[in-house]
């Protein structure tokens, strides 16, 4: 049943208002990043992009970006690998402790991140590990790897076991089945899990606050500057982070489109 014209107009207005509610704060941050004054005030008297130049030239900002990228990159790779095999155990194969595994892997997601970060910090101290960006990687993995597993598991639930059985009947071994059938079919879920893992780790503040030690990530620095010693670099780095996240999402869409095109071209050749 097609909705009436008034219903479509109401839904359009609702969608516009929702988008405006979500993105208007980001617009104000954008204005603050190009204001020549140190503090934002409306109307803006003079515009300048000098803060972007200072952000790119600042050595402290570069160190923050390198640390955040290292943590997010390592967490992404490990989460994709752990999530892939975890999703197979979670949704694909029947085994004795599968139900228990499904319950245990969900537990870290429901813990408040501040509590989880404090618990991990106390655990690191109890075993004599000095917190650094490496311990932050472990902390992020505790929370993000289960999320990646669930994302890939959604794809694995739609997996048809008959495809693997047919390949096995034709003489394919386990490695060949995994490489030629299982991995390609789960690849969209793996890419989605990797994208979520990177973004969740990149912008994570509570876990990083407790586990980075002397090192510091970009969210920690932004928070410190907001509560004491505000700098115009705060909105500037905020906008750069948003732009970087947007480009990453576009890259993921491009990779998905490229993989789909290659798959269709191979199918047409056959």
C-alpha atoms as a PDB file:
ATOM      1  CA  UNK A   1       0.000   0.000   0.000  1.00  0.00           C
ATOM      2  CA  UNK A   2       1.433   3.333  -1.108  1.00  0.00           C
ATOM      3  CA  UNK A   3       1.351   6.069   1.561  1.00  0.00           C
ATOM      4  CA  UNK A   4      -0.708   9.167   0.893  1.00  0.00           C
ATOM      5  CA  UNK A   5       0.812  12.460  -0.177  1.00  0.00           C
ATOM      6  CA  UNK A   6       0.352  14.010   3.268  1.00  0.00           C
ATOM      7  CA  UNK A   7       2.097  11.022   4.876  1.00  0.00           C
ATOM      8  CA  UNK A   8       5.058  11.325   2.505  1.00  0.00           C
ATOM      9  CA  UNK A   9       5.352  15.036   3.237  1.00  0.00           C
ATOM     10  CA  UNK A  10       5.191  14.390   6.983  1.00  0.00           C
ATOM     11  CA  UNK A  11       7.917  11.719   6.704  1.00  0.00           C
ATOM     12  CA  UNK A  12      10.059  14.068   4.611  1.00  0.00           C
ATOM     13  CA  UNK A  13       9.740  16.837   7.198  1.00  0.00           C
ATOM     14  CA  UNK A  14      10.492  14.388   9.989  1.00  0.00           C
ATOM     15  CA  UNK A  15      13.606  13.155   8.169  1.00  0.00           C
ATOM     16  CA  UNK A  16      14.859  16.708   7.554  1.00  0.00           C
ATOM     17  CA  UNK A  17      14.323  17.674  11.201  1.00  0.00           C
ATOM     18  CA  UNK A  18      16.101  14.540  12.393  1.00  0.00           C
ATOM     19  CA  UNK A  19      19.104  15.177  10.154  1.00  0.00           C
ATOM     20  CA  UNK A  20      19.184  18.833  11.240  1.00  0.00           C
ATOM     21  CA  UNK A  21      19.067  17.799  14.914  1.00  0.00           C
ATOM     22  CA  UNK A  22      21.975  15.415  14.414  1.00  0.00           C
ATOM     23  CA  UNK A  23      24.214  17.604  12.250  1.00  0.00           C
ATOM     24  CA  UNK A  24      23.606  21.183  13.427  1.00  0.00           C
ATOM     25  CA  UNK A  25      26.106  20.789  16.308  1.00  0.00           C
ATOM     26  CA  UNK A  26      28.659  19.656  13.741  1.00  0.00           C
ATOM     27  CA  UNK A  27      27.972  22.771  11.685  1.00  0.00           C
ATOM     28  CA  UNK A  28      28.681  24.960  14.717  1.00  0.00           C
ATOM     29  CA  UNK A  29      31.959  23.110  15.251  1.00  0.00           C
ATOM     30  CA  UNK A  30      32.801  23.772  11.608  1.00  0.00           C
ATOM     31  CA  UNK A  31      32.195  27.508  12.075  1.00  0.00           C
ATOM     32  CA  UNK A  32      34.385  27.483  15.179  1.00  0.00           C
ATOM     33  CA  UNK A  33      37.217  25.867  13.211  1.00  0.00           C
ATOM     34  CA  UNK A  34      37.307  28.657  10.617  1.00  0.00           C
ATOM     35  CA  UNK A  35      36.830  31.577  12.984  1.00  0.00           C
ATOM     36  CA  UNK A  36      39.842  33.843  13.228  1.00  0.00           C
ATOM     37  CA  UNK A  37      39.069  34.652  16.855  1.00  0.00           C
ATOM     38  CA  UNK A  38      40.300  32.382  19.599  1.00  0.00           C
ATOM     39  CA  UNK A  39      36.772  31.887  20.953  1.00  0.00           C
ATOM     40  CA  UNK A  40      33.649  31.392  18.863  1.00  0.00           C
ATOM     41  CA  UNK A  41      31.076  34.162  18.803  1.00  0.00           C
ATOM     42  CA  UNK A  42      28.234  34.934  16.411  1.00  0.00           C
ATOM     43  CA  UNK A  43      28.248  36.614  14.050  1.00  0.00           C
ATOM     44  CA  UNK A  44      31.770  35.630  13.062  1.00  0.00           C
ATOM     45  CA  UNK A  45      33.733  38.795  12.371  1.00  0.00           C
ATOM     46  CA  UNK A  46      36.577  37.239  10.372  1.00  0.00           C
ATOM     47  CA  UNK A  47      37.187  33.871   8.790  1.00  0.00           C
ATOM     48  CA  UNK A  48      40.518  32.103   8.620  1.00  0.00           C
ATOM     49  CA  UNK A  49      41.898  28.623   7.951  1.00  0.00           C
ATOM     50  CA  UNK A  50      45.047  29.224   9.971  1.00  0.00           C
ATOM     51  CA  UNK A  51      43.999  26.726  12.638  1.00  0.00           C
ATOM     52  CA  UNK A  52      44.054  23.942  10.058  1.00  0.00           C
ATOM     53  CA  UNK A  53      47.601  24.857   9.126  1.00  0.00           C
ATOM     54  CA  UNK A  54      48.653  24.939  12.778  1.00  0.00           C
ATOM     55  CA  UNK A  55      46.974  21.577  13.376  1.00  0.00           C
ATOM     56  CA  UNK A  56      48.877  19.978  10.509  1.00  0.00           C
ATOM     57  CA  UNK A  57      52.179  21.573  11.558  1.00  0.00           C
ATOM     58  CA  UNK A  58      51.903  20.807  15.279  1.00  0.00           C
ATOM     59  CA  UNK A  59      54.244  18.003  16.383  1.00  0.00           C
ATOM     60  CA  UNK A  60      52.058  17.186  19.391  1.00  0.00           C
ATOM     61  CA  UNK A  61      49.038  16.751  17.125  1.00  0.00           C
ATOM     62  CA  UNK A  62      51.078  14.517  14.818  1.00  0.00           C
ATOM     63  CA  UNK A  63      52.101  12.357  17.783  1.00  0.00           C
ATOM     64  CA  UNK A  64      48.463  12.103  18.872  1.00  0.00           C
ATOM     65  CA  UNK A  65      47.378  11.089  15.378  1.00  0.00           C
ATOM     66  CA  UNK A  66      50.135   8.479  15.086  1.00  0.00           C
ATOM     67  CA  UNK A  67      49.221   6.965  18.466  1.00  0.00           C
ATOM     68  CA  UNK A  68      45.504   6.913  17.674  1.00  0.00           C
ATOM     69  CA  UNK A  69      46.106   5.438  14.217  1.00  0.00           C
ATOM     70  CA  UNK A  70      48.400   2.729  15.596  1.00  0.00           C
ATOM     71  CA  UNK A  71      45.841   1.694  18.205  1.00  0.00           C
ATOM     72  CA  UNK A  72      42.919   1.795  15.791  1.00  0.00           C
ATOM     73  CA  UNK A  73      44.826  -0.011  13.036  1.00  0.00           C
ATOM     74  CA  UNK A  74      46.034  -2.856  15.247  1.00  0.00           C
ATOM     75  CA  UNK A  75      42.610  -3.218  16.866  1.00  0.00           C
ATOM     76  CA  UNK A  76      40.963  -3.329  13.437  1.00  0.00           C
ATOM     77  CA  UNK A  77      43.197  -6.085  12.064  1.00  0.00           C
ATOM     78  CA  UNK A  78      42.986  -8.273  15.166  1.00  0.00           C
ATOM     79  CA  UNK A  79      39.229  -7.723  15.519  1.00  0.00           C
ATOM     80  CA  UNK A  80      38.648  -8.797  11.916  1.00  0.00           C
ATOM     81  CA  UNK A  81      40.657 -11.996  12.391  1.00  0.00           C
ATOM     82  CA  UNK A  82      39.189 -12.827  15.796  1.00  0.00           C
ATOM     83  CA  UNK A  83      35.718 -11.847  14.640  1.00  0.00           C
ATOM     84  CA  UNK A  84      35.921 -14.078  11.563  1.00  0.00           C
ATOM     85  CA  UNK A  85      36.782 -17.251  13.448  1.00  0.00           C
ATOM     86  CA  UNK A  86      34.600 -16.258  16.391  1.00  0.00           C
ATOM     87  CA  UNK A  87      31.623 -15.770  14.065  1.00  0.00           C
ATOM     88  CA  UNK A  88      32.112 -19.267  12.651  1.00  0.00           C
ATOM     89  CA  UNK A  89      32.038 -20.675  16.171  1.00  0.00           C
ATOM     90  CA  UNK A  90      29.159 -18.363  17.111  1.00  0.00           C
ATOM     91  CA  UNK A  91      26.810 -18.976  14.196  1.00  0.00           C
ATOM     92  CA  UNK A  92      28.154 -21.560  11.762  1.00  0.00           C
ATOM     93  CA  UNK A  93      29.166 -24.736  13.568  1.00  0.00           C
ATOM     94  CA  UNK A  94      27.380 -26.824  16.175  1.00  0.00           C
ATOM     95  CA  UNK A  95      29.560 -27.790  19.135  1.00  0.00           C
ATOM     96  CA  UNK A  96      29.132 -28.646  22.786  1.00  0.00           C
ATOM     97  CA  UNK A  97      29.749 -25.277  24.438  1.00  0.00           C
ATOM     98  CA  UNK A  98      28.348 -23.077  21.691  1.00  0.00           C
ATOM     99  CA  UNK A  99      25.539 -21.611  23.828  1.00  0.00           C
ATOM    100  CA  UNK A 100      27.963 -20.771  26.641  1.00  0.00           C
ATOM    101  CA  UNK A 101      30.346 -19.181  24.141  1.00  0.00           C
ATOM    102  CA  UNK A 102      27.534 -17.024  22.729  1.00  0.00           C
ATOM    103  CA  UNK A 103      26.702 -15.728  26.212  1.00  0.00           C
ATOM    104  CA  UNK A 104      30.277 -15.109  27.320  1.00  0.00           C
ATOM    105  CA  UNK A 105      31.235 -13.181  24.188  1.00  0.00           C
ATOM    106  CA  UNK A 106      28.360 -10.752  24.761  1.00  0.00           C
ATOM    107  CA  UNK A 107      29.368  -9.836  28.325  1.00  0.00           C
ATOM    108  CA  UNK A 108      32.025  -7.150  27.574  1.00  0.00           C
ATOM    109  CA  UNK A 109      29.577  -5.255  25.365  1.00  0.00           C
ATOM    110  CA  UNK A 110      27.146  -4.716  28.241  1.00  0.00           C
ATOM    111  CA  UNK A 111      29.769  -3.495  30.704  1.00  0.00           C
ATOM    112  CA  UNK A 112      29.987   0.316  31.017  1.00  0.00           C
ATOM    113  CA  UNK A 113      33.213   1.322  29.347  1.00  0.00           C
ATOM    114  CA  UNK A 114      34.372   3.384  32.326  1.00  0.00           C
ATOM    115  CA  UNK A 115      33.960   0.361  34.614  1.00  0.00           C
ATOM    116  CA  UNK A 116      35.660  -1.906  32.092  1.00  0.00           C
ATOM    117  CA  UNK A 117      38.543   0.537  31.683  1.00  0.00           C
ATOM    118  CA  UNK A 118      39.036   0.840  35.448  1.00  0.00           C
ATOM    119  CA  UNK A 119      38.916  -2.951  35.862  1.00  0.00           C
ATOM    120  CA  UNK A 120      41.534  -3.427  33.152  1.00  0.00           C
ATOM    121  CA  UNK A 121      43.752  -0.744  34.690  1.00  0.00           C
ATOM    122  CA  UNK A 122      43.604  -2.495  38.086  1.00  0.00           C
ATOM    123  CA  UNK A 123      44.386  -5.817  36.389  1.00  0.00           C
ATOM    124  CA  UNK A 124      47.384  -4.369  34.523  1.00  0.00           C
ATOM    125  CA  UNK A 125      48.716  -2.887  37.767  1.00  0.00           C
ATOM    126  CA  UNK A 126      48.233  -6.149  39.659  1.00  0.00           C
ATOM    127  CA  UNK A 127      50.389  -8.089  37.192  1.00  0.00           C
ATOM    128  CA  UNK A 128      53.016  -5.362  36.930  1.00  0.00           C
ATOM    129  CA  UNK A 129      52.268  -4.046  33.427  1.00  0.00           C
ATOM    130  CA  UNK A 130      52.851  -0.328  32.922  1.00  0.00           C
ATOM    131  CA  UNK A 131      49.920   1.189  30.971  1.00  0.00           C
ATOM    132  CA  UNK A 132      50.785   2.484  27.510  1.00  0.00           C
ATOM    133  CA  UNK A 133      49.252   2.550  24.057  1.00  0.00           C
ATOM    134  CA  UNK A 134      49.856  -1.218  23.897  1.00  0.00           C
ATOM    135  CA  UNK A 135      47.630  -1.841  26.907  1.00  0.00           C
ATOM    136  CA  UNK A 136      45.055   0.434  25.272  1.00  0.00           C
ATOM    137  CA  UNK A 137      45.047  -1.948  22.304  1.00  0.00           C
ATOM    138  CA  UNK A 138      44.180  -4.826  24.650  1.00  0.00           C
ATOM    139  CA  UNK A 139      41.471  -2.750  26.337  1.00  0.00           C
ATOM    140  CA  UNK A 140      39.901  -1.787  23.026  1.00  0.00           C
ATOM    141  CA  UNK A 141      39.971  -5.393  21.857  1.00  0.00           C
ATOM    142  CA  UNK A 142      38.125  -6.583  24.956  1.00  0.00           C
ATOM    143  CA  UNK A 143      35.200  -4.368  23.989  1.00  0.00           C
ATOM    144  CA  UNK A 144      35.441  -4.177  20.190  1.00  0.00           C
ATOM    145  CA  UNK A 145      36.313  -7.773  19.223  1.00  0.00           C
ATOM    146  CA  UNK A 146      32.919  -9.083  20.458  1.00  0.00           C
ATOM    147  CA  UNK A 147      31.167  -6.401  18.397  1.00  0.00           C
ATOM    148  CA  UNK A 148      33.128  -7.440  15.309  1.00  0.00           C
ATOM    149  CA  UNK A 149      32.214 -11.062  16.012  1.00  0.00           C
ATOM    150  CA  UNK A 150      28.517 -10.240  16.158  1.00  0.00           C
ATOM    151  CA  UNK A 151      28.683  -8.229  12.925  1.00  0.00           C
ATOM    152  CA  UNK A 152      30.318 -11.081  11.025  1.00  0.00           C
ATOM    153  CA  UNK A 153      27.998 -13.595  12.728  1.00  0.00           C
ATOM    154  CA  UNK A 154      24.996 -11.830  11.186  1.00  0.00           C
ATOM    155  CA  UNK A 155      26.453 -12.621   7.781  1.00  0.00           C
ATOM    156  CA  UNK A 156      27.391 -16.140   8.876  1.00  0.00           C
ATOM    157  CA  UNK A 157      23.789 -16.897   9.901  1.00  0.00           C
ATOM    158  CA  UNK A 158      22.730 -16.429   6.260  1.00  0.00           C
ATOM    159  CA  UNK A 159      25.499 -18.752   5.123  1.00  0.00           C
ATOM    160  CA  UNK A 160      24.243 -21.867   3.324  1.00  0.00           C
ATOM    161  CA  UNK A 161      26.171 -24.912   4.657  1.00  0.00           C
ATOM    162  CA  UNK A 162      25.287 -26.807   1.472  1.00  0.00           C
ATOM    163  CA  UNK A 163      27.898 -24.782  -0.412  1.00  0.00           C
ATOM    164  CA  UNK A 164      30.706 -26.104   1.762  1.00  0.00           C
ATOM    165  CA  UNK A 165      29.300 -29.621   1.647  1.00  0.00           C
ATOM    166  CA  UNK A 166      29.129 -29.521  -2.141  1.00  0.00           C
ATOM    167  CA  UNK A 167      32.741 -28.352  -2.354  1.00  0.00           C
ATOM    168  CA  UNK A 168      33.813 -31.089   0.038  1.00  0.00           C
ATOM    169  CA  UNK A 169      31.989 -33.718  -2.041  1.00  0.00           C
ATOM    170  CA  UNK A 170      33.939 -32.498  -5.072  1.00  0.00           C
ATOM    171  CA  UNK A 171      37.230 -33.149  -3.307  1.00  0.00           C
ATOM    172  CA  UNK A 172      38.108 -29.713  -1.898  1.00  0.00           C
ATOM    173  CA  UNK A 173      40.030 -29.734   1.378  1.00  0.00           C
ATOM    174  CA  UNK A 174      39.279 -27.526   4.389  1.00  0.00           C
ATOM    175  CA  UNK A 175      41.806 -24.834   3.424  1.00  0.00           C
ATOM    176  CA  UNK A 176      40.428 -24.559  -0.114  1.00  0.00           C
ATOM    177  CA  UNK A 177      36.848 -24.352   1.141  1.00  0.00           C
ATOM    178  CA  UNK A 178      37.818 -21.656   3.610  1.00  0.00           C
ATOM    179  CA  UNK A 179      39.687 -19.626   0.972  1.00  0.00           C
ATOM    180  CA  UNK A 180      37.351 -20.069  -2.008  1.00  0.00           C
ATOM    181  CA  UNK A 181      33.899 -20.246  -0.397  1.00  0.00           C
ATOM    182  CA  UNK A 182      33.686 -19.252   3.266  1.00  0.00           C
ATOM    183  CA  UNK A 183      35.944 -16.191   3.160  1.00  0.00           C
ATOM    184  CA  UNK A 184      34.424 -14.591   0.009  1.00  0.00           C
ATOM    185  CA  UNK A 185      30.871 -15.095   1.270  1.00  0.00           C
ATOM    186  CA  UNK A 186      31.666 -13.550   4.637  1.00  0.00           C
ATOM    187  CA  UNK A 187      33.804 -10.731   3.186  1.00  0.00           C
ATOM    188  CA  UNK A 188      31.039  -8.064   3.319  1.00  0.00           C
ATOM    189  CA  UNK A 189      30.600  -8.778   7.019  1.00  0.00           C
ATOM    190  CA  UNK A 190      34.361  -8.754   7.575  1.00  0.00           C
ATOM    191  CA  UNK A 191      34.721  -5.358   5.882  1.00  0.00           C
ATOM    192  CA  UNK A 192      31.808  -3.967   7.912  1.00  0.00           C
ATOM    193  CA  UNK A 193      33.354  -5.316  11.108  1.00  0.00           C
ATOM    194  CA  UNK A 194      36.696  -3.750  10.215  1.00  0.00           C
ATOM    195  CA  UNK A 195      35.070  -0.398   9.539  1.00  0.00           C
ATOM    196  CA  UNK A 196      33.167  -0.459  12.825  1.00  0.00           C
ATOM    197  CA  UNK A 197      36.274  -1.591  14.710  1.00  0.00           C
ATOM    198  CA  UNK A 198      38.382   1.258  13.362  1.00  0.00           C
ATOM    199  CA  UNK A 199      35.809   3.956  14.045  1.00  0.00           C
ATOM    200  CA  UNK A 200      34.972   2.654  17.527  1.00  0.00           C
ATOM    201  CA  UNK A 201      38.642   2.473  18.460  1.00  0.00           C
ATOM    202  CA  UNK A 202      39.539   5.804  16.854  1.00  0.00           C
ATOM    203  CA  UNK A 203      36.931   7.717  18.820  1.00  0.00           C
ATOM    204  CA  UNK A 204      37.064   5.739  22.059  1.00  0.00           C
ATOM    205  CA  UNK A 205      37.643   7.875  25.133  1.00  0.00           C
ATOM    206  CA  UNK A 206      36.681   5.916  28.304  1.00  0.00           C
ATOM    207  CA  UNK A 207      38.918   2.901  27.717  1.00  0.00           C
ATOM    208  CA  UNK A 208      41.817   5.032  26.464  1.00  0.00           C
ATOM    209  CA  UNK A 209      41.586   7.327  29.492  1.00  0.00           C
ATOM    210  CA  UNK A 210      42.341   4.476  31.894  1.00  0.00           C
ATOM    211  CA  UNK A 211      44.757   2.367  29.863  1.00  0.00           C
ATOM    212  CA  UNK A 212      47.047   4.599  27.758  1.00  0.00           C
ATOM    213  CA  UNK A 213      49.226   5.655  30.691  1.00  0.00           C
ATOM    214  CA  UNK A 214      51.801   8.260  29.653  1.00  0.00           C
ATOM    215  CA  UNK A 215      50.679   8.036  26.039  1.00  0.00           C
ATOM    216  CA  UNK A 216      47.665   9.958  24.843  1.00  0.00           C
ATOM    217  CA  UNK A 217      45.114   9.574  22.072  1.00  0.00           C
ATOM    218  CA  UNK A 218      43.252  12.230  20.165  1.00  0.00           C
ATOM    219  CA  UNK A 219      39.961  11.920  22.137  1.00  0.00           C
ATOM    220  CA  UNK A 220      41.886  12.266  25.414  1.00  0.00           C
ATOM    221  CA  UNK A 221      43.636  15.401  24.181  1.00  0.00           C
ATOM    222  CA  UNK A 222      40.372  16.935  22.975  1.00  0.00           C
ATOM    223  CA  UNK A 223      38.755  16.291  26.344  1.00  0.00           C
ATOM    224  CA  UNK A 224      41.717  17.755  28.238  1.00  0.00           C
ATOM    225  CA  UNK A 225      41.618  20.906  26.109  1.00  0.00           C
ATOM    226  CA  UNK A 226      37.871  21.291  26.608  1.00  0.00           C
ATOM    227  CA  UNK A 227      38.009  21.126  30.409  1.00  0.00           C
ATOM    228  CA  UNK A 228      41.176  23.198  30.812  1.00  0.00           C
ATOM    229  CA  UNK A 229      43.038  25.433  28.406  1.00  0.00           C
ATOM    230  CA  UNK A 230      40.654  25.559  25.451  1.00  0.00           C
ATOM    231  CA  UNK A 231      42.335  25.896  22.064  1.00  0.00           C
ATOM    232  CA  UNK A 232      40.819  26.565  18.614  1.00  0.00           C
ATOM    233  CA  UNK A 233      42.615  23.401  17.551  1.00  0.00           C
ATOM    234  CA  UNK A 234      39.843  21.457  19.305  1.00  0.00           C
ATOM    235  CA  UNK A 235      37.094  22.149  16.735  1.00  0.00           C
ATOM    236  CA  UNK A 236      39.676  21.984  13.947  1.00  0.00           C
ATOM    237  CA  UNK A 237      40.782  18.477  14.893  1.00  0.00           C
ATOM    238  CA  UNK A 238      37.149  17.535  15.434  1.00  0.00           C
ATOM    239  CA  UNK A 239      36.293  18.484  11.861  1.00  0.00           C
ATOM    240  CA  UNK A 240      39.383  16.732  10.506  1.00  0.00           C
ATOM    241  CA  UNK A 241      38.378  13.575  12.376  1.00  0.00           C
ATOM    242  CA  UNK A 242      34.864  13.708  10.957  1.00  0.00           C
ATOM    243  CA  UNK A 243      36.197  14.241   7.439  1.00  0.00           C
ATOM    244  CA  UNK A 244      38.622  11.352   7.878  1.00  0.00           C
ATOM    245  CA  UNK A 245      35.831   9.063   9.108  1.00  0.00           C
ATOM    246  CA  UNK A 246      33.661  10.077   6.160  1.00  0.00           C
ATOM    247  CA  UNK A 247      36.461   9.321   3.704  1.00  0.00           C
ATOM    248  CA  UNK A 248      36.984   5.945   5.357  1.00  0.00           C
ATOM    249  CA  UNK A 249      33.302   5.099   4.934  1.00  0.00           C
ATOM    250  CA  UNK A 250      33.434   6.164   1.294  1.00  0.00           C
ATOM    251  CA  UNK A 251      36.504   3.975   0.811  1.00  0.00           C
ATOM    252  CA  UNK A 252      34.619   1.022   2.269  1.00  0.00           C
ATOM    253  CA  UNK A 253      31.721   1.629  -0.117  1.00  0.00           C
ATOM    254  CA  UNK A 254      34.175   1.861  -3.023  1.00  0.00           C
ATOM    255  CA  UNK A 255      35.821  -1.437  -2.044  1.00  0.00           C
ATOM    256  CA  UNK A 256      32.416  -3.088  -1.734  1.00  0.00           C
ATOM    257  CA  UNK A 257      31.406  -1.804  -5.165  1.00  0.00           C
ATOM    258  CA  UNK A 258      34.727  -2.936  -6.656  1.00  0.00           C
ATOM    259  CA  UNK A 259      34.381  -6.433  -5.208  1.00  0.00           C
ATOM    260  CA  UNK A 260      30.815  -6.681  -6.486  1.00  0.00           C
ATOM    261  CA  UNK A 261      31.910  -5.563  -9.958  1.00  0.00           C
ATOM    262  CA  UNK A 262      34.740  -8.124 -10.051  1.00  0.00           C
ATOM    263  CA  UNK A 263      32.361 -10.838  -8.942  1.00  0.00           C
ATOM    264  CA  UNK A 264      29.817  -9.923 -11.626  1.00  0.00           C
ATOM    265  CA  UNK A 265      32.504  -9.793 -14.319  1.00  0.00           C
ATOM    266  CA  UNK A 266      33.760 -13.242 -13.364  1.00  0.00           C
ATOM    267  CA  UNK A 267      30.217 -14.589 -13.364  1.00  0.00           C
ATOM    268  CA  UNK A 268      29.591 -13.156 -16.844  1.00  0.00           C
ATOM    269  CA  UNK A 269      32.789 -14.743 -18.186  1.00  0.00           C
ATOM    270  CA  UNK A 270      31.653 -18.124 -16.931  1.00  0.00           C
END
